[in-house]
PDB file of N, CA and C in Angstrom:
ATOM      1  N   MET A   1     -40.773 -55.437 -71.437  1.00  0.00           N
ATOM      2  CA  MET A   1     -40.816 -55.404 -72.836  1.00  0.00           C
ATOM      3  C   MET A   1     -40.065 -54.178 -73.390  1.00  0.00           C
ATOM      4  N   ASN A   2     -39.265 -54.427 -74.410  1.00  0.00           N
ATOM      5  CA  ASN A   2     -38.580 -53.250 -75.041  1.00  0.00           C
ATOM      6  C   ASN A   2     -38.804 -53.399 -76.519  1.00  0.00           C
ATOM      7  N   PRO A   3     -39.715 -52.697 -77.096  1.00  0.00           N
ATOM      8  CA  PRO A   3     -40.016 -52.863 -78.572  1.00  0.00           C
ATOM      9  C   PRO A   3     -38.804 -52.340 -79.402  1.00  0.00           C
ATOM     10  N   VAL A   4     -38.031 -51.453 -78.885  1.00  0.00           N
ATOM     11  CA  VAL A   4     -36.832 -51.006 -79.578  1.00  0.00           C
ATOM     12  C   VAL A   4     -35.883 -52.131 -79.779  1.00  0.00           C
ATOM     13  N   ARG A   5     -35.688 -52.928 -78.750  1.00  0.00           N
ATOM     14  CA  ARG A   5     -34.848 -54.128 -78.895  1.00  0.00           C
ATOM     15  C   ARG A   5     -35.417 -55.249 -79.782  1.00  0.00           C
ATOM     16  N   GLY A   6     -36.740 -55.151 -80.004  1.00  0.00           N
ATOM     17  CA  GLY A   6     -37.353 -56.232 -80.868  1.00  0.00           C
ATOM     18  C   GLY A   6     -38.066 -57.156 -79.973  1.00  0.00           C
ATOM     19  N   ASP A   7     -38.421 -56.890 -78.719  1.00  0.00           N
ATOM     20  CA  ASP A   7     -39.116 -57.826 -77.985  1.00  0.00           C
ATOM     21  C   ASP A   7     -40.630 -57.922 -78.422  1.00  0.00           C
ATOM     22  N   ALA A   8     -41.103 -59.128 -78.247  1.00  0.00           N
ATOM     23  CA  ALA A   8     -42.542 -59.490 -78.464  1.00  0.00           C
ATOM     24  C   ALA A   8     -43.042 -60.262 -77.228  1.00  0.00           C
ATOM     25  N   GLU A   9     -44.285 -60.498 -77.087  1.00  0.00           N
ATOM     26  CA  GLU A   9     -44.754 -61.225 -75.942  1.00  0.00           C
ATOM     27  C   GLU A   9     -45.813 -62.238 -76.319  1.00  0.00           C
ATOM     28  N   VAL A  10     -45.849 -63.334 -75.450  1.00  0.00           N
ATOM     29  CA  VAL A  10     -46.943 -64.262 -75.553  1.00  0.00           C
ATOM     30  C   VAL A  10     -47.487 -64.520 -74.176  1.00  0.00           C
ATOM     31  N   VAL A  11     -48.731 -64.693 -74.015  1.00  0.00           N
ATOM     32  CA  VAL A  11     -49.270 -65.012 -72.742  1.00  0.00           C
ATOM     33  C   VAL A  11     -49.422 -66.412 -72.529  1.00  0.00           C
ATOM     34  N   ILE A  12     -48.812 -67.018 -71.573  1.00  0.00           N
ATOM     35  CA  ILE A  12     -48.919 -68.445 -71.339  1.00  0.00           C
ATOM     36  C   ILE A  12     -49.392 -68.638 -69.879  1.00  0.00           C
ATOM     37  N   GLY A  13     -50.576 -69.305 -69.727  1.00  0.00           N
ATOM     38  CA  GLY A  13     -51.042 -69.490 -68.350  1.00  0.00           C
ATOM     39  C   GLY A  13     -51.269 -68.184 -67.652  1.00  0.00           C
ATOM     40  N   ASP A  14     -51.814 -67.167 -68.222  1.00  0.00           N
ATOM     41  CA  ASP A  14     -52.123 -65.860 -67.650  1.00  0.00           C
ATOM     42  C   ASP A  14     -50.852 -65.004 -67.357  1.00  0.00           C
ATOM     43  N   GLU A  15     -49.679 -65.560 -67.782  1.00  0.00           N
ATOM     44  CA  GLU A  15     -48.451 -64.773 -67.541  1.00  0.00           C
ATOM     45  C   GLU A  15     -47.807 -64.246 -68.883  1.00  0.00           C
ATOM     46  N   PRO A  16     -47.402 -63.044 -68.907  1.00  0.00           N
ATOM     47  CA  PRO A  16     -46.758 -62.613 -70.165  1.00  0.00           C
ATOM     48  C   PRO A  16     -45.308 -63.098 -70.192  1.00  0.00           C
ATOM     49  N   VAL A  17     -44.893 -63.602 -71.332  1.00  0.00           N
ATOM     50  CA  VAL A  17     -43.543 -64.130 -71.523  1.00  0.00           C
ATOM     51  C   VAL A  17     -42.849 -63.424 -72.634  1.00  0.00           C
ATOM     52  N   ARG A  18     -41.641 -62.925 -72.392  1.00  0.00           N
ATOM     53  CA  ARG A  18     -40.946 -62.098 -73.329  1.00  0.00           C
ATOM     54  C   ARG A  18     -40.287 -63.065 -74.362  1.00  0.00           C
ATOM     55  N   LEU A  19     -40.424 -62.625 -75.677  1.00  0.00           N
ATOM     56  CA  LEU A  19     -39.737 -63.286 -76.738  1.00  0.00           C
ATOM     57  C   LEU A  19     -38.727 -62.262 -77.469  1.00  0.00           C
ATOM     58  N   CYS A  20     -37.639 -62.805 -77.865  1.00  0.00           N
ATOM     59  CA  CYS A  20     -36.716 -61.901 -78.593  1.00  0.00           C
ATOM     60  C   CYS A  20     -35.921 -62.735 -79.594  1.00  0.00           C
ATOM     61  N   LEU A  21     -35.899 -62.239 -80.814  1.00  0.00           N
ATOM     62  CA  LEU A  21     -35.087 -62.931 -81.874  1.00  0.00           C
ATOM     63  C   LEU A  21     -33.654 -62.424 -81.822  1.00  0.00           C
ATOM     64  N   THR A  22     -32.913 -62.987 -81.033  1.00  0.00           N
ATOM     65  CA  THR A  22     -31.488 -62.707 -80.894  1.00  0.00           C
ATOM     66  C   THR A  22     -30.725 -63.466 -81.931  1.00  0.00           C
ATOM     67  N   LEU A  23     -29.440 -63.190 -82.099  1.00  0.00           N
ATOM     68  CA  LEU A  23     -28.639 -63.970 -82.944  1.00  0.00           C
ATOM     69  C   LEU A  23     -28.467 -65.394 -82.575  1.00  0.00           C
ATOM     70  N   GLY A  24     -28.380 -65.631 -81.226  1.00  0.00           N
ATOM     71  CA  GLY A  24     -28.349 -66.926 -80.684  1.00  0.00           C
ATOM     72  C   GLY A  24     -29.685 -67.701 -80.881  1.00  0.00           C
ATOM     73  N   ALA A  25     -30.817 -67.067 -80.787  1.00  0.00           N
ATOM     74  CA  ALA A  25     -32.156 -67.626 -81.094  1.00  0.00           C
ATOM     75  C   ALA A  25     -32.241 -67.970 -82.548  1.00  0.00           C
ATOM     76  N   LEU A  26     -31.666 -67.099 -83.397  1.00  0.00           N
ATOM     77  CA  LEU A  26     -31.743 -67.308 -84.775  1.00  0.00           C
ATOM     78  C   LEU A  26     -30.939 -68.517 -85.278  1.00  0.00           C
ATOM     79  N   ALA A  27     -29.740 -68.643 -84.681  1.00  0.00           N
ATOM     80  CA  ALA A  27     -28.868 -69.738 -84.969  1.00  0.00           C
ATOM     81  C   ALA A  27     -29.533 -71.112 -84.468  1.00  0.00           C
ATOM     82  N   GLU A  28     -30.178 -70.971 -83.343  1.00  0.00           N
ATOM     83  CA  GLU A  28     -30.857 -72.133 -82.709  1.00  0.00           C
ATOM     84  C   GLU A  28     -31.999 -72.609 -83.647  1.00  0.00           C
ATOM     85  N   ILE A  29     -32.749 -71.625 -84.189  1.00  0.00           N
ATOM     86  CA  ILE A  29     -33.898 -71.952 -85.048  1.00  0.00           C
ATOM     87  C   ILE A  29     -33.352 -72.533 -86.335  1.00  0.00           C
ATOM     88  N   GLU A  30     -32.312 -71.980 -86.872  1.00  0.00           N
ATOM     89  CA  GLU A  30     -31.703 -72.540 -88.177  1.00  0.00           C
ATOM     90  C   GLU A  30     -31.314 -73.979 -87.945  1.00  0.00           C
ATOM     91  N   ALA A  31     -30.710 -74.256 -86.828  1.00  0.00           N
ATOM     92  CA  ALA A  31     -30.219 -75.638 -86.512  1.00  0.00           C
ATOM     93  C   ALA A  31     -31.415 -76.575 -86.325  1.00  0.00           C
ATOM     94  N   ALA A  32     -32.399 -76.087 -85.611  1.00  0.00           N
ATOM     95  CA  ALA A  32     -33.659 -76.976 -85.291  1.00  0.00           C
ATOM     96  C   ALA A  32     -34.351 -77.249 -86.621  1.00  0.00           C
ATOM     97  N   LEU A  33     -34.397 -76.335 -87.457  1.00  0.00           N
ATOM     98  CA  LEU A  33     -35.135 -76.471 -88.705  1.00  0.00           C
ATOM     99  C   LEU A  33     -34.304 -76.958 -89.831  1.00  0.00           C
ATOM    100  N   GLU A  34     -33.008 -77.269 -89.555  1.00  0.00           N
ATOM    101  CA  GLU A  34     -32.056 -77.690 -90.602  1.00  0.00           C
ATOM    102  C   GLU A  34     -32.136 -76.856 -91.808  1.00  0.00           C
ATOM    103  N   ALA A  35     -32.069 -75.484 -91.580  1.00  0.00           N
ATOM    104  CA  ALA A  35     -32.150 -74.578 -92.721  1.00  0.00           C
ATOM    105  C   ALA A  35     -30.854 -73.759 -92.607  1.00  0.00           C
ATOM    106  N   THR A  36     -30.223 -73.664 -93.754  1.00  0.00           N
ATOM    107  CA  THR A  36     -28.921 -72.844 -93.936  1.00  0.00           C
ATOM    108  C   THR A  36     -29.204 -71.691 -94.849  1.00  0.00           C
ATOM    109  N   GLY A  37     -29.129 -70.565 -94.125  1.00  0.00           N
ATOM    110  CA  GLY A  37     -29.374 -69.299 -94.891  1.00  0.00           C
ATOM    111  C   GLY A  37     -30.768 -68.757 -94.678  1.00  0.00           C
ATOM    112  N   PHE A  38     -30.986 -67.473 -95.017  1.00  0.00           N
ATOM    113  CA  PHE A  38     -32.229 -66.843 -94.760  1.00  0.00           C
ATOM    114  C   PHE A  38     -33.366 -67.432 -95.715  1.00  0.00           C
ATOM    115  N   GLN A  39     -33.064 -67.604 -96.929  1.00  0.00           N
ATOM    116  CA  GLN A  39     -34.117 -68.101 -97.856  1.00  0.00           C
ATOM    117  C   GLN A  39     -34.595 -69.508 -97.389  1.00  0.00           C
ATOM    118  N   ALA A  40     -33.629 -70.326 -97.076  1.00  0.00           N
ATOM    119  CA  ALA A  40     -34.027 -71.694 -96.653  1.00  0.00           C
ATOM    120  C   ALA A  40     -34.870 -71.523 -95.301  1.00  0.00           C
ATOM    121  N   LEU A  41     -34.439 -70.689 -94.446  1.00  0.00           N
ATOM    122  CA  LEU A  41     -35.156 -70.503 -93.121  1.00  0.00           C
ATOM    123  C   LEU A  41     -36.602 -69.984 -93.430  1.00  0.00           C
ATOM    124  N   ALA A  42     -36.691 -68.972 -94.380  1.00  0.00           N
ATOM    125  CA  ALA A  42     -38.032 -68.450 -94.653  1.00  0.00           C
ATOM    126  C   ALA A  42     -38.999 -69.535 -95.252  1.00  0.00           C
ATOM    127  N   ASP A  43     -38.357 -70.336 -96.075  1.00  0.00           N
ATOM    128  CA  ASP A  43     -39.132 -71.460 -96.680  1.00  0.00           C
ATOM    129  C   ASP A  43     -39.609 -72.442 -95.592  1.00  0.00           C
ATOM    130  N   ARG A  44     -38.735 -72.772 -94.626  1.00  0.00           N
ATOM    131  CA  ARG A  44     -39.124 -73.720 -93.652  1.00  0.00           C
ATOM    132  C   ARG A  44     -40.158 -73.138 -92.671  1.00  0.00           C
ATOM    133  N   LEU A  45     -40.057 -71.774 -92.398  1.00  0.00           N
ATOM    134  CA  LEU A  45     -40.961 -71.172 -91.458  1.00  0.00           C
ATOM    135  C   LEU A  45     -42.344 -71.134 -92.131  1.00  0.00           C
ATOM    136  N   ARG A  46     -42.544 -71.301 -93.368  1.00  0.00           N
ATOM    137  CA  ARG A  46     -43.824 -71.215 -94.020  1.00  0.00           C
ATOM    138  C   ARG A  46     -44.509 -72.561 -93.829  1.00  0.00           C
ATOM    139  N   ALA A  47     -43.872 -73.591 -93.441  1.00  0.00           N
ATOM    140  CA  ALA A  47     -44.509 -74.939 -93.357  1.00  0.00           C
ATOM    141  C   ALA A  47     -43.998 -75.647 -92.102  1.00  0.00           C
ATOM    142  N   LEU A  48     -44.269 -75.080 -90.886  1.00  0.00           N
ATOM    143  CA  LEU A  48     -43.810 -75.636 -89.682  1.00  0.00           C
ATOM    144  C   LEU A  48     -44.628 -76.840 -89.225  1.00  0.00           C
ATOM    145  N   THR A  49     -44.047 -77.867 -88.738  1.00  0.00           N
ATOM    146  CA  THR A  49     -44.798 -78.896 -87.984  1.00  0.00           C
ATOM    147  C   THR A  49     -44.976 -78.459 -86.574  1.00  0.00           C
ATOM    148  N   ALA A  50     -45.775 -79.161 -85.863  1.00  0.00           N
ATOM    149  CA  ALA A  50     -46.008 -78.757 -84.448  1.00  0.00           C
ATOM    150  C   ALA A  50     -44.714 -78.822 -83.667  1.00  0.00           C
ATOM    151  N   ALA A  51     -43.868 -79.861 -83.849  1.00  0.00           N
ATOM    152  CA  ALA A  51     -42.567 -79.900 -83.306  1.00  0.00           C
ATOM    153  C   ALA A  51     -41.694 -78.722 -83.622  1.00  0.00           C
ATOM    154  N   ASP A  52     -41.722 -78.302 -84.829  1.00  0.00           N
ATOM    155  CA  ASP A  52     -40.951 -77.164 -85.372  1.00  0.00           C
ATOM    156  C   ASP A  52     -41.403 -75.914 -84.531  1.00  0.00           C
ATOM    157  N   LEU A  53     -42.709 -75.769 -84.475  1.00  0.00           N
ATOM    158  CA  LEU A  53     -43.186 -74.610 -83.834  1.00  0.00           C
ATOM    159  C   LEU A  53     -42.834 -74.490 -82.358  1.00  0.00           C
ATOM    160  N   VAL A  54     -42.829 -75.644 -81.681  1.00  0.00           N
ATOM    161  CA  VAL A  54     -42.361 -75.624 -80.328  1.00  0.00           C
ATOM    162  C   VAL A  54     -40.875 -75.302 -80.235  1.00  0.00           C
ATOM    163  N   ALA A  55     -40.119 -75.726 -81.164  1.00  0.00           N
ATOM    164  CA  ALA A  55     -38.585 -75.456 -81.165  1.00  0.00           C
ATOM    165  C   ALA A  55     -38.386 -74.026 -81.404  1.00  0.00           C
ATOM    166  N   VAL A  56     -39.090 -73.425 -82.333  1.00  0.00           N
ATOM    167  CA  VAL A  56     -38.888 -71.975 -82.673  1.00  0.00           C
ATOM    168  C   VAL A  56     -39.299 -71.156 -81.488  1.00  0.00           C
ATOM    169  N   LEU A  57     -40.493 -71.477 -80.924  1.00  0.00           N
ATOM    170  CA  LEU A  57     -40.983 -70.660 -79.810  1.00  0.00           C
ATOM    171  C   LEU A  57     -40.013 -70.756 -78.655  1.00  0.00           C
ATOM    172  N   ALA A  58     -39.556 -71.890 -78.334  1.00  0.00           N
ATOM    173  CA  ALA A  58     -38.603 -72.022 -77.251  1.00  0.00           C
ATOM    174  C   ALA A  58     -37.364 -71.257 -77.456  1.00  0.00           C
ATOM    175  N   ALA A  59     -36.884 -71.253 -78.644  1.00  0.00           N
ATOM    176  CA  ALA A  59     -35.592 -70.390 -78.936  1.00  0.00           C
ATOM    177  C   ALA A  59     -35.923 -68.939 -78.763  1.00  0.00           C
ATOM    178  N   LEU A  60     -37.051 -68.484 -79.084  1.00  0.00           N
ATOM    179  CA  LEU A  60     -37.446 -67.103 -78.952  1.00  0.00           C
ATOM    180  C   LEU A  60     -37.673 -66.778 -77.468  1.00  0.00           C
ATOM    181  N   ILE A  61     -38.250 -67.716 -76.690  1.00  0.00           N
ATOM    182  CA  ILE A  61     -38.391 -67.512 -75.257  1.00  0.00           C
ATOM    183  C   ILE A  61     -37.011 -67.455 -74.560  1.00  0.00           C
ATOM    184  N   ARG A  62     -36.066 -68.290 -74.978  1.00  0.00           N
ATOM    185  CA  ARG A  62     -34.720 -68.259 -74.480  1.00  0.00           C
ATOM    186  C   ARG A  62     -34.111 -66.920 -74.836  1.00  0.00           C
ATOM    187  N   GLY A  63     -34.329 -66.511 -76.105  1.00  0.00           N
ATOM    188  CA  GLY A  63     -33.795 -65.136 -76.539  1.00  0.00           C
ATOM    189  C   GLY A  63     -34.319 -64.071 -75.652  1.00  0.00           C
ATOM    190  N   GLY A  64     -35.526 -64.243 -75.056  1.00  0.00           N
ATOM    191  CA  GLY A  64     -36.123 -63.193 -74.119  1.00  0.00           C
ATOM    192  C   GLY A  64     -35.585 -63.371 -72.801  1.00  0.00           C
ATOM    193  N   GLY A  65     -34.798 -64.290 -72.484  1.00  0.00           N
ATOM    194  CA  GLY A  65     -34.212 -64.419 -71.239  1.00  0.00           C
ATOM    195  C   GLY A  65     -34.433 -65.619 -70.338  1.00  0.00           C
ATOM    196  N   ALA A  66     -35.234 -66.553 -70.756  1.00  0.00           N
ATOM    197  CA  ALA A  66     -35.598 -67.690 -69.977  1.00  0.00           C
ATOM    198  C   ALA A  66     -34.524 -68.789 -70.063  1.00  0.00           C
ATOM    199  N   GLU A  67     -34.385 -69.647 -69.088  1.00  0.00           N
ATOM    200  CA  GLU A  67     -33.472 -70.707 -69.228  1.00  0.00           C
ATOM    201  C   GLU A  67     -34.069 -71.839 -70.097  1.00  0.00           C
ATOM    202  N   ALA A  68     -33.215 -72.731 -70.563  1.00  0.00           N
ATOM    203  CA  ALA A  68     -33.619 -73.558 -71.617  1.00  0.00           C
ATOM    204  C   ALA A  68     -34.708 -74.512 -71.187  1.00  0.00           C
ATOM    205  N   ALA A  69     -34.703 -75.132 -70.034  1.00  0.00           N
ATOM    206  CA  ALA A  69     -35.715 -76.112 -69.667  1.00  0.00           C
ATOM    207  C   ALA A  69     -37.026 -75.386 -69.469  1.00  0.00           C
ATOM    208  N   MET A  70     -37.006 -74.123 -68.872  1.00  0.00           N
ATOM    209  CA  MET A  70     -38.292 -73.418 -68.642  1.00  0.00           C
ATOM    210  C   MET A  70     -38.838 -72.959 -70.114  1.00  0.00           C
ATOM    211  N   ALA A  71     -37.913 -72.541 -70.994  1.00  0.00           N
ATOM    212  CA  ALA A  71     -38.416 -72.176 -72.268  1.00  0.00           C
ATOM    213  C   ALA A  71     -39.148 -73.241 -72.969  1.00  0.00           C
ATOM    214  N   ARG A  72     -38.540 -74.464 -72.949  1.00  0.00           N
ATOM    215  CA  ARG A  72     -39.151 -75.572 -73.588  1.00  0.00           C
ATOM    216  C   ARG A  72     -40.565 -75.908 -73.003  1.00  0.00           C
ATOM    217  N   ARG A  73     -40.532 -75.895 -71.679  1.00  0.00           N
ATOM    218  CA  ARG A  73     -41.875 -76.174 -71.016  1.00  0.00           C
ATOM    219  C   ARG A  73     -42.904 -75.106 -71.398  1.00  0.00           C
ATOM    220  N   LEU A  74     -42.564 -73.835 -71.393  1.00  0.00           N
ATOM    221  CA  LEU A  74     -43.500 -72.860 -71.681  1.00  0.00           C
ATOM    222  C   LEU A  74     -43.947 -73.001 -73.168  1.00  0.00           C
ATOM    223  N   ALA A  75     -43.063 -73.278 -74.002  1.00  0.00           N
ATOM    224  CA  ALA A  75     -43.358 -73.443 -75.476  1.00  0.00           C
ATOM    225  C   ALA A  75     -44.362 -74.610 -75.593  1.00  0.00           C
ATOM    226  N   GLU A  76     -44.125 -75.710 -74.853  1.00  0.00           N
ATOM    227  CA  GLU A  76     -45.086 -76.861 -75.002  1.00  0.00           C
ATOM    228  C   GLU A  76     -46.400 -76.564 -74.432  1.00  0.00           C
ATOM    229  N   MET A  77     -46.561 -75.665 -73.492  1.00  0.00           N
ATOM    230  CA  MET A  77     -47.803 -75.304 -72.851  1.00  0.00           C
ATOM    231  C   MET A  77     -48.640 -74.357 -73.737  1.00  0.00           C
ATOM    232  N   THR A  78     -48.068 -73.762 -74.689  1.00  0.00           N
ATOM    233  CA  THR A  78     -48.734 -72.710 -75.520  1.00  0.00           C
ATOM    234  C   THR A  78     -49.656 -73.356 -76.638  1.00  0.00           C
ATOM    235  N   GLU A  79     -50.781 -72.798 -76.743  1.00  0.00           N
ATOM    236  CA  GLU A  79     -51.728 -73.283 -77.704  1.00  0.00           C
ATOM    237  C   GLU A  79     -51.154 -73.013 -79.136  1.00  0.00           C
ATOM    238  N   PRO A  80     -51.383 -73.913 -80.042  1.00  0.00           N
ATOM    239  CA  PRO A  80     -50.769 -73.696 -81.361  1.00  0.00           C
ATOM    240  C   PRO A  80     -51.038 -72.380 -82.081  1.00  0.00           C
ATOM    241  N   ARG A  81     -52.181 -71.896 -81.994  1.00  0.00           N
ATOM    242  CA  ARG A  81     -52.537 -70.630 -82.664  1.00  0.00           C
ATOM    243  C   ARG A  81     -51.789 -69.538 -81.988  1.00  0.00           C
ATOM    244  N   ALA A  82     -51.779 -69.421 -80.658  1.00  0.00           N
ATOM    245  CA  ALA A  82     -51.069 -68.432 -79.887  1.00  0.00           C
ATOM    246  C   ALA A  82     -49.570 -68.575 -80.106  1.00  0.00           C
ATOM    247  N   ALA A  83     -49.051 -69.723 -80.233  1.00  0.00           N
ATOM    248  CA  ALA A  83     -47.627 -69.889 -80.545  1.00  0.00           C
ATOM    249  C   ALA A  83     -47.240 -69.304 -81.933  1.00  0.00           C
ATOM    250  N   ALA A  84     -48.085 -69.687 -82.963  1.00  0.00           N
ATOM    251  CA  ALA A  84     -47.785 -69.225 -84.303  1.00  0.00           C
ATOM    252  C   ALA A  84     -47.814 -67.661 -84.346  1.00  0.00           C
ATOM    253  N   GLU A  85     -48.880 -67.088 -83.736  1.00  0.00           N
ATOM    254  CA  GLU A  85     -48.969 -65.616 -83.723  1.00  0.00           C
ATOM    255  C   GLU A  85     -47.858 -65.018 -82.972  1.00  0.00           C
ATOM    256  N   ALA A  86     -47.345 -65.630 -81.869  1.00  0.00           N
ATOM    257  CA  ALA A  86     -46.269 -65.022 -81.103  1.00  0.00           C
ATOM    258  C   ALA A  86     -44.947 -65.117 -81.931  1.00  0.00           C
ATOM    259  N   VAL A  87     -44.734 -66.205 -82.604  1.00  0.00           N
ATOM    260  CA  VAL A  87     -43.565 -66.351 -83.443  1.00  0.00           C
ATOM    261  C   VAL A  87     -43.608 -65.234 -84.568  1.00  0.00           C
ATOM    262  N   ALA A  88     -44.741 -65.042 -85.155  1.00  0.00           N
ATOM    263  CA  ALA A  88     -44.865 -64.012 -86.159  1.00  0.00           C
ATOM    264  C   ALA A  88     -44.595 -62.608 -85.651  1.00  0.00           C
ATOM    265  N   ARG A  89     -45.131 -62.255 -84.451  1.00  0.00           N
ATOM    266  CA  ARG A  89     -44.824 -61.004 -83.812  1.00  0.00           C
ATOM    267  C   ARG A  89     -43.413 -60.825 -83.526  1.00  0.00           C
ATOM    268  N   ALA A  90     -42.729 -61.870 -83.045  1.00  0.00           N
ATOM    269  CA  ALA A  90     -41.293 -61.802 -82.694  1.00  0.00           C
ATOM    270  C   ALA A  90     -40.406 -61.489 -83.915  1.00  0.00           C
ATOM    271  N   PHE A  91     -40.776 -62.132 -85.026  1.00  0.00           N
ATOM    272  CA  PHE A  91     -40.052 -61.886 -86.312  1.00  0.00           C
ATOM    273  C   PHE A  91     -40.360 -60.453 -86.832  1.00  0.00           C
ATOM    274  N   GLU A  92     -41.631 -60.038 -86.667  1.00  0.00           N
ATOM    275  CA  GLU A  92     -42.022 -58.668 -87.072  1.00  0.00           C
ATOM    276  C   GLU A  92     -41.256 -57.608 -86.221  1.00  0.00           C
ATOM    277  N   ALA A  93     -41.211 -57.823 -84.831  1.00  0.00           N
ATOM    278  CA  ALA A  93     -40.568 -56.905 -83.985  1.00  0.00           C
ATOM    279  C   ALA A  93     -39.032 -56.778 -84.301  1.00  0.00           C
ATOM    280  N   ALA A  94     -38.512 -57.923 -84.621  1.00  0.00           N
ATOM    281  CA  ALA A  94     -37.052 -57.843 -85.025  1.00  0.00           C
ATOM    282  C   ALA A  94     -36.735 -57.084 -86.225  1.00  0.00           C
ATOM    283  N   SER A  95     -37.688 -57.084 -87.153  1.00  0.00           N
ATOM    284  CA  SER A  95     -37.480 -56.410 -88.440  1.00  0.00           C
ATOM    285  C   SER A  95     -37.592 -54.927 -88.339  1.00  0.00           C
ATOM    286  N   GLY A  96     -38.112 -54.491 -87.149  1.00  0.00           N
ATOM    287  CA  GLY A  96     -38.152 -53.035 -87.014  1.00  0.00           C
ATOM    288  C   GLY A  96     -39.545 -52.497 -87.150  1.00  0.00           C
TER     289      GLY A  96
END
């Protein structure tokens, strides 16, 4: 974990998993949520569906260094409340 880099963490199955809002993760999130620009993205993040939450968390896990298939599996295993809290922490960590 590197808080200076903007890392956050979620615990999945007793294992800590690193999350990071990289530019690649941000682009992936924008595409998954069909949001163009920061305001549209912010609006979409306020009303996520369960599928949206999995997509956002998977992108953040990939940003933290996991491969795509593993990131998706880990995101799907995460309880909804823990996933939402982890996504919020990742965005907070990225903002400094």
